[in-house]
Amino acid sequence: MKAKDVLNIWTGWDSPDIFEVHETAPNSRFISRHDMTGVEFMESPWAERNLKRFGSHGKGADGVWRHYIEVAAK
């Protein structure tokens, strides 16, 4: 399932939330990490990648929610 499809279903996020996006190889080797808002993520090519896992780190001291998404490499 594509990452954007999961986020379209999951209503636990909002536009200003920060997403920590991890790209990993099929053997789970870390490739890259990117931080972006929910809107930036949904408009990015990362949203078209197959989702491996996602979740939430919770609300930070600054009041902003932080989430993590792991996507498959191309």
Protein backbone atom coordinates (compact mmCIF):
# COMPACT_ATOMS: atom_id res chain seq x y z
CA MET A 1 0.00 0.00 0.00
CA LYS A 2 1.27 3.46 -0.84
CA ALA A 3 2.13 5.80 2.05
CA LYS A 4 -0.29 8.47 0.82
CA ASP A 5 -3.17 5.97 0.81
CA VAL A 6 -2.53 5.09 4.45
CA LEU A 7 -2.38 8.76 5.47
CA ASN A 8 -5.61 9.46 3.58
CA ILE A 9 -7.29 6.80 5.75
CA TRP A 10 -5.57 7.66 9.05
CA THR A 11 -7.09 10.82 10.50
CA GLY A 12 -4.63 11.13 13.40
CA TRP A 13 -2.43 13.69 11.68
CA ASP A 14 -2.76 17.34 10.66
CA SER A 15 -0.98 19.58 8.13
CA PRO A 16 1.61 21.12 10.52
CA ASP A 17 2.62 17.76 12.01
CA ILE A 18 6.24 16.79 11.38
CA PHE A 19 6.97 13.51 9.64
CA GLU A 20 10.32 11.76 9.94
CA VAL A 21 10.55 9.79 6.70
CA HIS A 22 12.99 6.87 6.52
CA GLU A 23 13.80 5.15 3.25
CA THR A 24 15.03 1.57 3.66
CA ALA A 25 16.24 -1.15 1.31
CA PRO A 26 14.50 -4.55 1.08
CA ASN A 27 16.97 -5.93 3.66
CA SER A 28 15.93 -3.08 6.05
CA ARG A 29 19.21 -1.24 5.51
CA PHE A 30 18.79 2.50 6.17
CA ILE A 31 19.19 4.64 3.05
CA SER A 32 18.01 8.16 3.91
CA ARG A 33 16.01 10.29 6.36
CA HIS A 34 13.94 13.41 5.67
CA ASP A 35 11.86 15.64 7.98
CA MET A 36 8.84 17.42 6.52
CA THR A 37 5.35 18.59 7.36
CA GLY A 38 2.31 16.47 6.52
CA VAL A 39 1.45 18.67 3.54
CA GLU A 40 5.02 18.54 2.22
CA PHE A 41 5.02 14.77 2.60
CA MET A 42 1.72 14.29 0.77
CA GLU A 43 3.03 16.42 -2.13
CA SER A 44 6.40 14.66 -2.25
CA PRO A 45 7.51 11.59 -4.23
CA TRP A 46 7.92 9.77 -0.87
CA ALA A 47 4.13 9.58 -0.58
CA GLU A 48 4.08 7.39 -3.71
CA ARG A 49 6.38 4.80 -2.12
CA ASN A 50 5.18 1.56 -0.57
CA LEU A 51 4.74 1.90 3.17
CA LYS A 52 6.67 -0.42 5.48
CA ARG A 53 5.55 1.06 8.84
CA PHE A 54 4.37 4.24 10.47
CA GLY A 55 3.44 5.57 13.88
CA SER A 56 3.78 8.51 16.21
CA HIS A 57 6.53 9.73 18.52
CA GLY A 58 3.92 11.92 20.25
CA LYS A 59 3.58 15.60 20.90
CA GLY A 60 6.80 17.52 21.51
CA ALA A 61 7.44 20.23 24.10
CA ASP A 62 6.66 22.77 21.36
CA GLY A 63 3.15 21.31 20.94
CA VAL A 64 3.85 19.85 17.48
CA TRP A 65 3.06 16.19 16.84
CA ARG A 66 5.87 14.11 15.37
CA HIS A 67 5.31 10.93 13.41
CA TYR A 68 7.56 8.43 11.64
CA ILE A 69 7.09 6.72 8.30
CA GLU A 70 9.28 4.05 6.77
CA VAL A 71 9.00 3.69 3.01
CA ALA A 72 10.52 1.19 0.61
CA ALA A 73 13.34 2.17 -1.71
CA LYS A 74 12.52 2.33 -5.41
